[in-house]
Amino acid sequence: MKTLRPALALVVWAALAGSALAQDDYPPSQDYPPPGAPPPAQGPEAPPPGAPPGYAPPPGYAPPPEAAPPPAAAASGGFGVVGQMTISDDLQLVAARHSESLGGQSMSKTTVSLNPAVDYFVAQNFSVGGQLLIGFESNDAGDITTIGLTPRAGYNVPLSPVASLWPRAGIGYFHTSNSYSGTGIMGTSGYRVTLSAFVPVLFQPAPHFFIGGGPFLSTDLVSKFQQMDYTKVTDFGLQSTIGGYFGGP
């Protein structure tokens, strides 16, 4: 029995020495959270700004994304944008009283002319429209009535935020009828086909309102009176314009 004691002690010593060597081969020990503690906050589960110390976000929490910058305000369309309608220069009412005397005889006449015009921008700065002419003249011999329509197209050229060049051109048809009073002469009629162009410079002193002016040209392509060729007239000069616009984006 005494002979087994040294052997048993040697076996116990060898086992303890092996255990110590095995512990030296493992990496240093790490601190782990106790059982049941929430995982450390990291990555997208970081606590929100202003959270108190020790705050633990709930599982799956993610901070809200940064607010996107507000969209830039759309620039003002100004004059000439698609879908815009204008009531312009030709919305003019003219009334005049004329009298003359020759050889002891006198004659007087009254003239009224209404020329409304509407244009619509079907594309950026490109407009189509028309001008209506209603003219009436009354004199001692009778009355003269003129009705006409001029389809036209134009293109707006911006010069600055409040100024532009808006040339327009069209071909119009005008019918004139004469009625004579107290002469026993039957009424007569005629018509004209006229090419016209107007190149005004527009200024916008206030939103949706413009004024301006520029050169104009009007020349008769066809002129008939009682189905016979009649005098062709060409006019050239300066003309003013005033109007407004609405619609568009």
C-alpha atoms as a PDB file:
ATOM      1  CA  MET A   1       0.000   0.000   0.000  1.00  0.00           C
ATOM      2  CA  LYS A   2       2.893   2.299   0.802  1.00  0.00           C
ATOM      3  CA  THR A   3       4.403   1.572  -2.591  1.00  0.00           C
ATOM      4  CA  LEU A   4       1.224   2.865  -4.391  1.00  0.00           C
ATOM      5  CA  ARG A   5       1.211   6.277  -2.708  1.00  0.00           C
ATOM      6  CA  PRO A   6       4.231   7.720  -4.564  1.00  0.00           C
ATOM      7  CA  ALA A   7       2.795   6.499  -7.870  1.00  0.00           C
ATOM      8  CA  LEU A   8      -0.614   8.028  -7.175  1.00  0.00           C
ATOM      9  CA  ALA A   9       0.967  11.374  -6.271  1.00  0.00           C
ATOM     10  CA  LEU A  10       2.975  11.323  -9.496  1.00  0.00           C
ATOM     11  CA  VAL A  11      -0.207  10.771 -11.580  1.00  0.00           C
ATOM     12  CA  VAL A  12      -2.051  13.671  -9.839  1.00  0.00           C
ATOM     13  CA  TRP A  13       0.961  15.980 -10.382  1.00  0.00           C
ATOM     14  CA  ALA A  14       1.115  15.117 -14.099  1.00  0.00           C
ATOM     15  CA  ALA A  15      -2.627  15.812 -14.549  1.00  0.00           C
ATOM     16  CA  LEU A  16      -2.352  19.242 -12.907  1.00  0.00           C
ATOM     17  CA  ALA A  17       0.653  20.192 -14.997  1.00  0.00           C
ATOM     18  CA  GLY A  18      -1.158  19.234 -18.240  1.00  0.00           C
ATOM     19  CA  SER A  19      -4.160  21.321 -17.296  1.00  0.00           C
ATOM     20  CA  ALA A  20      -1.984  24.367 -16.674  1.00  0.00           C
ATOM     21  CA  LEU A  21      -0.265  23.987 -20.053  1.00  0.00           C
ATOM     22  CA  ALA A  22      -3.620  23.653 -21.837  1.00  0.00           C
ATOM     23  CA  GLN A  23      -4.854  26.923 -20.307  1.00  0.00           C
ATOM     24  CA  ASP A  24      -1.764  28.757 -21.578  1.00  0.00           C
ATOM     25  CA  ASP A  25      -2.657  27.770 -25.196  1.00  0.00           C
ATOM     26  CA  TYR A  26      -6.089  29.500 -25.159  1.00  0.00           C
ATOM     27  CA  PRO A  27      -6.446  33.227 -25.999  1.00  0.00           C
ATOM     28  CA  PRO A  28      -6.985  35.673 -23.155  1.00  0.00           C
ATOM     29  CA  SER A  29     -10.385  35.508 -21.588  1.00  0.00           C
ATOM     30  CA  GLN A  30     -13.035  37.973 -22.751  1.00  0.00           C
ATOM     31  CA  ASP A  31     -15.712  39.739 -20.799  1.00  0.00           C
ATOM     32  CA  TYR A  32     -19.129  38.529 -21.856  1.00  0.00           C
ATOM     33  CA  PRO A  33     -22.437  40.119 -20.813  1.00  0.00           C
ATOM     34  CA  PRO A  34     -24.323  38.249 -18.147  1.00  0.00           C
ATOM     35  CA  PRO A  35     -27.177  36.019 -19.284  1.00  0.00           C
ATOM     36  CA  GLY A  36     -30.344  37.994 -20.237  1.00  0.00           C
ATOM     37  CA  ALA A  37     -28.547  41.323 -20.852  1.00  0.00           C
ATOM     38  CA  PRO A  38     -29.395  43.121 -24.187  1.00  0.00           C
ATOM     39  CA  PRO A  39     -26.730  42.966 -26.880  1.00  0.00           C
ATOM     40  CA  PRO A  40     -24.436  45.979 -27.157  1.00  0.00           C
ATOM     41  CA  ALA A  41     -25.689  48.729 -29.484  1.00  0.00           C
ATOM     42  CA  GLN A  42     -23.851  48.853 -32.783  1.00  0.00           C
ATOM     43  CA  GLY A  43     -24.443  49.568 -36.496  1.00  0.00           C
ATOM     44  CA  PRO A  44     -27.983  50.493 -37.441  1.00  0.00           C
ATOM     45  CA  GLU A  45     -29.220  49.742 -33.886  1.00  0.00           C
ATOM     46  CA  ALA A  46     -27.333  52.646 -32.314  1.00  0.00           C
ATOM     47  CA  PRO A  47     -29.408  54.535 -29.727  1.00  0.00           C
ATOM     48  CA  PRO A  48     -31.224  57.630 -30.992  1.00  0.00           C
ATOM     49  CA  PRO A  49     -29.646  61.058 -30.390  1.00  0.00           C
ATOM     50  CA  GLY A  50     -30.346  62.416 -26.923  1.00  0.00           C
ATOM     51  CA  ALA A  51     -30.960  58.973 -25.361  1.00  0.00           C
ATOM     52  CA  PRO A  52     -30.055  58.736 -21.635  1.00  0.00           C
ATOM     53  CA  PRO A  53     -26.893  56.845 -20.615  1.00  0.00           C
ATOM     54  CA  GLY A  54     -27.351  53.106 -20.656  1.00  0.00           C
ATOM     55  CA  TYR A  55     -30.330  53.245 -23.026  1.00  0.00           C
ATOM     56  CA  ALA A  56     -30.765  50.014 -24.976  1.00  0.00           C
ATOM     57  CA  PRO A  57     -32.839  50.241 -28.195  1.00  0.00           C
ATOM     58  CA  PRO A  58     -35.392  47.510 -28.811  1.00  0.00           C
ATOM     59  CA  PRO A  59     -34.450  44.662 -31.140  1.00  0.00           C
ATOM     60  CA  GLY A  60     -34.632  45.679 -34.807  1.00  0.00           C
ATOM     61  CA  TYR A  61     -34.546  49.440 -34.084  1.00  0.00           C
ATOM     62  CA  ALA A  62     -32.963  51.527 -36.816  1.00  0.00           C
ATOM     63  CA  PRO A  63     -32.439  55.316 -36.665  1.00  0.00           C
ATOM     64  CA  PRO A  64     -34.644  57.329 -39.055  1.00  0.00           C
ATOM     65  CA  PRO A  65     -33.011  58.320 -42.340  1.00  0.00           C
ATOM     66  CA  GLU A  66     -31.824  61.851 -42.807  1.00  0.00           C
ATOM     67  CA  ALA A  67     -34.535  64.157 -44.099  1.00  0.00           C
ATOM     68  CA  ALA A  68     -34.269  64.768 -47.828  1.00  0.00           C
ATOM     69  CA  PRO A  69     -33.801  68.406 -48.854  1.00  0.00           C
ATOM     70  CA  PRO A  70     -37.029  70.085 -49.979  1.00  0.00           C
ATOM     71  CA  PRO A  71     -37.528  70.127 -53.752  1.00  0.00           C
ATOM     72  CA  ALA A  72     -36.451  73.275 -55.471  1.00  0.00           C
ATOM     73  CA  ALA A  73     -39.287  75.614 -56.252  1.00  0.00           C
ATOM     74  CA  ALA A  74     -40.282  75.579 -59.873  1.00  0.00           C
ATOM     75  CA  ALA A  75     -39.067  78.623 -61.732  1.00  0.00           C
ATOM     76  CA  SER A  76     -41.700  81.070 -62.817  1.00  0.00           C
ATOM     77  CA  GLY A  77     -42.814  80.271 -66.331  1.00  0.00           C
ATOM     78  CA  GLY A  78     -43.148  83.911 -67.341  1.00  0.00           C
ATOM     79  CA  PHE A  79     -44.490  84.745 -70.765  1.00  0.00           C
ATOM     80  CA  GLY A  80     -44.657  82.172 -73.575  1.00  0.00           C
ATOM     81  CA  VAL A  81     -45.029  78.896 -71.655  1.00  0.00           C
ATOM     82  CA  VAL A  82     -47.054  75.968 -72.993  1.00  0.00           C
ATOM     83  CA  GLY A  83     -50.777  76.245 -72.318  1.00  0.00           C
ATOM     84  CA  GLN A  84     -50.772  80.004 -71.907  1.00  0.00           C
ATOM     85  CA  MET A  85     -53.468  82.138 -73.519  1.00  0.00           C
ATOM     86  CA  THR A  86     -53.146  85.815 -74.352  1.00  0.00           C
ATOM     87  CA  ILE A  87     -55.657  88.509 -75.150  1.00  0.00           C
ATOM     88  CA  SER A  88     -53.483  91.064 -76.775  1.00  0.00           C
ATOM     89  CA  ASP A  89     -52.838  94.234 -78.678  1.00  0.00           C
ATOM     90  CA  ASP A  90     -55.718  93.992 -81.089  1.00  0.00           C
ATOM     91  CA  LEU A  91     -58.305  94.297 -78.377  1.00  0.00           C
ATOM     92  CA  GLN A  92     -58.767  97.914 -79.338  1.00  0.00           C
ATOM     93  CA  LEU A  93     -61.992  99.850 -79.800  1.00  0.00           C
ATOM     94  CA  VAL A  94     -61.741 102.772 -82.214  1.00  0.00           C
ATOM     95  CA  ALA A  95     -64.531 105.271 -82.753  1.00  0.00           C
ATOM     96  CA  ALA A  96     -64.120 108.388 -84.853  1.00  0.00           C
ATOM     97  CA  ARG A  97     -66.283 111.106 -86.321  1.00  0.00           C
ATOM     98  CA  HIS A  98     -65.077 112.639 -89.587  1.00  0.00           C
ATOM     99  CA  SER A  99     -66.537 115.576 -91.494  1.00  0.00           C
ATOM    100  CA  GLU A 100     -65.433 117.400 -94.638  1.00  0.00           C
ATOM    101  CA  SER A 101     -66.687 120.177 -96.868  1.00  0.00           C
ATOM    102  CA  LEU A 102     -66.085 120.761-100.568  1.00  0.00           C
ATOM    103  CA  GLY A 103     -67.758 123.260-102.933  1.00  0.00           C
ATOM    104  CA  GLY A 104     -70.392 124.192-100.444  1.00  0.00           C
ATOM    105  CA  GLN A 105     -71.300 120.558 -99.861  1.00  0.00           C
ATOM    106  CA  SER A 106     -70.451 118.742 -96.661  1.00  0.00           C
ATOM    107  CA  MET A 107     -70.214 115.086 -95.748  1.00  0.00           C
ATOM    108  CA  SER A 108     -69.683 113.397 -92.413  1.00  0.00           C
ATOM    109  CA  LYS A 109     -68.999 109.826 -91.382  1.00  0.00           C
ATOM    110  CA  THR A 110     -68.642 107.778 -88.227  1.00  0.00           C
ATOM    111  CA  THR A 111     -66.262 104.834 -88.005  1.00  0.00           C
ATOM    112  CA  VAL A 112     -66.195 102.109 -85.349  1.00  0.00           C
ATOM    113  CA  SER A 113     -63.650  99.285 -85.403  1.00  0.00           C
ATOM    114  CA  LEU A 114     -63.202  96.387 -83.000  1.00  0.00           C
ATOM    115  CA  ASN A 115     -60.166  94.103 -83.381  1.00  0.00           C
ATOM    116  CA  PRO A 116     -60.009  91.429 -80.638  1.00  0.00           C
ATOM    117  CA  ALA A 117     -57.183  88.893 -80.854  1.00  0.00           C
ATOM    118  CA  VAL A 118     -56.493  85.669 -78.962  1.00  0.00           C
ATOM    119  CA  ASP A 119     -53.272  83.611 -79.097  1.00  0.00           C
ATOM    120  CA  TYR A 120     -52.445  80.274 -77.491  1.00  0.00           C
ATOM    121  CA  PHE A 121     -48.951  78.846 -76.876  1.00  0.00           C
ATOM    122  CA  VAL A 122     -49.047  75.263 -78.166  1.00  0.00           C
ATOM    123  CA  ALA A 123     -45.313  74.826 -77.529  1.00  0.00           C
ATOM    124  CA  GLN A 124     -42.681  76.706 -75.584  1.00  0.00           C
ATOM    125  CA  ASN A 125     -42.681  80.270 -77.019  1.00  0.00           C
ATOM    126  CA  PHE A 126     -44.638  79.186 -80.143  1.00  0.00           C
ATOM    127  CA  SER A 127     -48.161  80.563 -80.446  1.00  0.00           C
ATOM    128  CA  VAL A 128     -51.089  80.214 -82.799  1.00  0.00           C
ATOM    129  CA  GLY A 129     -54.146  82.386 -82.766  1.00  0.00           C
ATOM    130  CA  GLY A 130     -56.298  84.752 -84.670  1.00  0.00           C
ATOM    131  CA  GLN A 131     -57.562  88.293 -84.956  1.00  0.00           C
ATOM    132  CA  LEU A 132     -61.158  89.216 -85.649  1.00  0.00           C
ATOM    133  CA  LEU A 133     -61.938  92.495 -87.391  1.00  0.00           C
ATOM    134  CA  ILE A 134     -65.369  94.098 -87.099  1.00  0.00           C
ATOM    135  CA  GLY A 135     -65.568  97.484 -88.775  1.00  0.00           C
ATOM    136  CA  PHE A 136     -68.525  99.797 -89.346  1.00  0.00           C
ATOM    137  CA  GLU A 137     -68.638 103.086 -91.204  1.00  0.00           C
ATOM    138  CA  SER A 138     -71.693 105.275 -91.611  1.00  0.00           C
ATOM    139  CA  ASN A 139     -71.794 108.332 -93.875  1.00  0.00           C
ATOM    140  CA  ASP A 140     -74.351 110.428 -95.640  1.00  0.00           C
ATOM    141  CA  ALA A 141     -74.449 108.065 -98.600  1.00  0.00           C
ATOM    142  CA  GLY A 142     -74.930 104.835 -96.650  1.00  0.00           C
ATOM    143  CA  ASP A 143     -73.162 102.281 -94.478  1.00  0.00           C
ATOM    144  CA  ILE A 144     -70.057 100.152 -94.993  1.00  0.00           C
ATOM    145  CA  THR A 145     -69.553  97.008 -92.926  1.00  0.00           C
ATOM    146  CA  THR A 146     -66.323  95.001 -92.866  1.00  0.00           C
ATOM    147  CA  ILE A 147     -65.864  91.616 -91.189  1.00  0.00           C
ATOM    148  CA  GLY A 148     -62.627  89.680 -91.345  1.00  0.00           C
ATOM    149  CA  LEU A 149     -60.498  87.016 -89.682  1.00  0.00           C
ATOM    150  CA  THR A 150     -56.717  86.669 -89.673  1.00  0.00           C
ATOM    151  CA  PRO A 151     -55.282  83.323 -88.485  1.00  0.00           C
ATOM    152  CA  ARG A 152     -51.689  83.882 -87.381  1.00  0.00           C
ATOM    153  CA  ALA A 153     -48.652  82.308 -85.767  1.00  0.00           C
ATOM    154  CA  GLY A 154     -45.932  83.818 -83.645  1.00  0.00           C
ATOM    155  CA  TYR A 155     -42.744  83.075 -81.786  1.00  0.00           C
ATOM    156  CA  ASN A 156     -41.741  84.725 -78.521  1.00  0.00           C
ATOM    157  CA  VAL A 157     -38.040  85.555 -78.041  1.00  0.00           C
ATOM    158  CA  PRO A 158     -37.229  86.349 -74.380  1.00  0.00           C
ATOM    159  CA  LEU A 159     -34.887  89.307 -73.968  1.00  0.00           C
ATOM    160  CA  SER A 160     -34.984  89.527 -70.161  1.00  0.00           C
ATOM    161  CA  PRO A 161     -37.274  88.357 -67.341  1.00  0.00           C
ATOM    162  CA  VAL A 162     -39.641  91.255 -68.142  1.00  0.00           C
ATOM    163  CA  ALA A 163     -39.113  91.862 -71.861  1.00  0.00           C
ATOM    164  CA  SER A 164     -39.420  89.851 -75.068  1.00  0.00           C
ATOM    165  CA  LEU A 165     -39.788  90.119 -78.820  1.00  0.00           C
ATOM    166  CA  TRP A 166     -42.978  88.526 -80.150  1.00  0.00           C
ATOM    167  CA  PRO A 167     -43.224  88.628 -83.970  1.00  0.00           C
ATOM    168  CA  ARG A 168     -46.468  87.357 -85.511  1.00  0.00           C
ATOM    169  CA  ALA A 169     -47.613  86.894 -89.093  1.00  0.00           C
ATOM    170  CA  GLY A 170     -50.819  85.745 -90.737  1.00  0.00           C
ATOM    171  CA  ILE A 171     -53.085  85.825 -93.772  1.00  0.00           C
ATOM    172  CA  GLY A 172     -56.541  87.308 -93.367  1.00  0.00           C
ATOM    173  CA  TYR A 173     -59.786  87.429 -95.295  1.00  0.00           C
ATOM    174  CA  PHE A 174     -61.983  90.554 -95.149  1.00  0.00           C
ATOM    175  CA  HIS A 175     -65.432  90.986 -96.622  1.00  0.00           C
ATOM    176  CA  THR A 176     -66.883  94.454 -97.172  1.00  0.00           C
ATOM    177  CA  SER A 177     -70.488  95.279 -97.978  1.00  0.00           C
ATOM    178  CA  ASN A 178     -71.919  98.699 -98.879  1.00  0.00           C
ATOM    179  CA  SER A 179     -75.524  99.766 -98.491  1.00  0.00           C
ATOM    180  CA  TYR A 180     -76.634 103.070-100.012  1.00  0.00           C
ATOM    181  CA  SER A 181     -79.527 105.050 -98.622  1.00  0.00           C
ATOM    182  CA  GLY A 182     -81.744 107.358-100.678  1.00  0.00           C
ATOM    183  CA  THR A 183     -79.846 106.772-103.932  1.00  0.00           C
ATOM    184  CA  GLY A 184     -81.713 103.871-105.474  1.00  0.00           C
ATOM    185  CA  ILE A 185     -78.395 102.035-105.923  1.00  0.00           C
ATOM    186  CA  MET A 186     -78.315  98.427-104.822  1.00  0.00           C
ATOM    187  CA  GLY A 187     -75.748  97.340-102.258  1.00  0.00           C
ATOM    188  CA  THR A 188     -72.284  96.305-103.417  1.00  0.00           C
ATOM    189  CA  SER A 189     -69.626  94.086-101.851  1.00  0.00           C
ATOM    190  CA  GLY A 190     -66.035  93.033-102.183  1.00  0.00           C
ATOM    191  CA  TYR A 191     -63.295  91.150-100.374  1.00  0.00           C
ATOM    192  CA  ARG A 192     -59.570  91.265 -99.713  1.00  0.00           C
ATOM    193  CA  VAL A 193     -56.948  88.662 -98.847  1.00  0.00           C
ATOM    194  CA  THR A 194     -54.185  90.329 -96.862  1.00  0.00           C
ATOM    195  CA  LEU A 195     -50.757  89.304 -95.615  1.00  0.00           C
ATOM    196  CA  SER A 196     -49.818  91.001 -92.349  1.00  0.00           C
ATOM    197  CA  ALA A 197     -46.901  90.954 -89.920  1.00  0.00           C
ATOM    198  CA  PHE A 198     -46.311  92.645 -86.584  1.00  0.00           C
ATOM    199  CA  VAL A 199     -43.022  92.640 -84.623  1.00  0.00           C
ATOM    200  CA  PRO A 200     -43.592  94.222 -81.204  1.00  0.00           C
ATOM    201  CA  VAL A 201     -41.220  94.448 -78.257  1.00  0.00           C
ATOM    202  CA  LEU A 202     -43.173  93.602 -75.100  1.00  0.00           C
ATOM    203  CA  PHE A 203     -42.576  94.841 -71.567  1.00  0.00           C
ATOM    204  CA  GLN A 204     -44.251  93.362 -68.477  1.00  0.00           C
ATOM    205  CA  PRO A 205     -44.612  96.076 -65.814  1.00  0.00           C
ATOM    206  CA  ALA A 206     -46.789  93.709 -63.767  1.00  0.00           C
ATOM    207  CA  PRO A 207     -47.493  89.946 -63.780  1.00  0.00           C
ATOM    208  CA  HIS A 208     -49.889  88.816 -66.520  1.00  0.00           C
ATOM    209  CA  PHE A 209     -49.867  92.220 -68.196  1.00  0.00           C
ATOM    210  CA  PHE A 210     -47.786  93.617 -71.052  1.00  0.00           C
ATOM    211  CA  ILE A 211     -47.439  96.700 -73.211  1.00  0.00           C
ATOM    212  CA  GLY A 212     -45.216  97.414 -76.179  1.00  0.00           C
ATOM    213  CA  GLY A 213     -45.029  98.231 -79.807  1.00  0.00           C
ATOM    214  CA  GLY A 214     -43.113  97.829 -83.028  1.00  0.00           C
ATOM    215  CA  PRO A 215     -43.280  97.893 -86.828  1.00  0.00           C
ATOM    216  CA  PHE A 216     -46.123  96.354 -88.807  1.00  0.00           C
ATOM    217  CA  LEU A 217     -46.710  95.551 -92.463  1.00  0.00           C
ATOM    218  CA  SER A 218     -49.991  94.831 -94.246  1.00  0.00           C
ATOM    219  CA  THR A 219     -50.342  94.211 -97.975  1.00  0.00           C
ATOM    220  CA  ASP A 220     -53.252  92.997-100.090  1.00  0.00           C
ATOM    221  CA  LEU A 221     -52.621  89.785-102.010  1.00  0.00           C
ATOM    222  CA  VAL A 222     -56.091  89.803-103.579  1.00  0.00           C
ATOM    223  CA  SER A 223     -58.571  92.657-103.814  1.00  0.00           C
ATOM    224  CA  LYS A 224     -61.966  92.284-105.486  1.00  0.00           C
ATOM    225  CA  PHE A 225     -64.991  94.551-105.692  1.00  0.00           C
ATOM    226  CA  GLN A 226     -68.121  93.325-107.416  1.00  0.00           C
ATOM    227  CA  GLN A 227     -66.087  90.341-108.685  1.00  0.00           C
ATOM    228  CA  MET A 228     -63.628  92.659-110.417  1.00  0.00           C
ATOM    229  CA  ASP A 229     -60.033  93.453-109.547  1.00  0.00           C
ATOM    230  CA  TYR A 230     -59.770  96.385-107.240  1.00  0.00           C
ATOM    231  CA  THR A 231     -57.022  98.566-105.806  1.00  0.00           C
ATOM    232  CA  LYS A 232     -54.461  96.726-103.672  1.00  0.00           C
ATOM    233  CA  VAL A 233     -53.260  98.601-100.626  1.00  0.00           C
ATOM    234  CA  THR A 234     -50.020  98.255 -98.675  1.00  0.00           C
ATOM    235  CA  ASP A 235     -49.570  99.801 -95.231  1.00  0.00           C
ATOM    236  CA  PHE A 236     -46.350 100.041 -93.229  1.00  0.00           C
ATOM    237  CA  GLY A 237     -45.715 101.828 -89.959  1.00  0.00           C
ATOM    238  CA  LEU A 238     -45.545 101.564 -86.180  1.00  0.00           C
ATOM    239  CA  GLN A 239     -48.228 100.120 -83.960  1.00  0.00           C
ATOM    240  CA  SER A 240     -48.679  99.863 -80.203  1.00  0.00           C
ATOM    241  CA  THR A 241     -49.912  96.849 -78.269  1.00  0.00           C
ATOM    242  CA  ILE A 242     -51.426  96.138 -74.874  1.00  0.00           C
ATOM    243  CA  GLY A 243     -52.759  92.914 -73.403  1.00  0.00           C
ATOM    244  CA  GLY A 244     -52.669  90.231 -70.781  1.00  0.00           C
ATOM    245  CA  TYR A 245     -52.099  86.506 -70.410  1.00  0.00           C
ATOM    246  CA  PHE A 246     -53.187  83.685 -68.141  1.00  0.00           C
ATOM    247  CA  GLY A 247     -52.983  79.928 -67.843  1.00  0.00           C
ATOM    248  CA  GLY A 248     -49.978  77.661 -68.221  1.00  0.00           C
ATOM    249  CA  PRO A 249     -48.152  75.820 -65.400  1.00  0.00           C
END
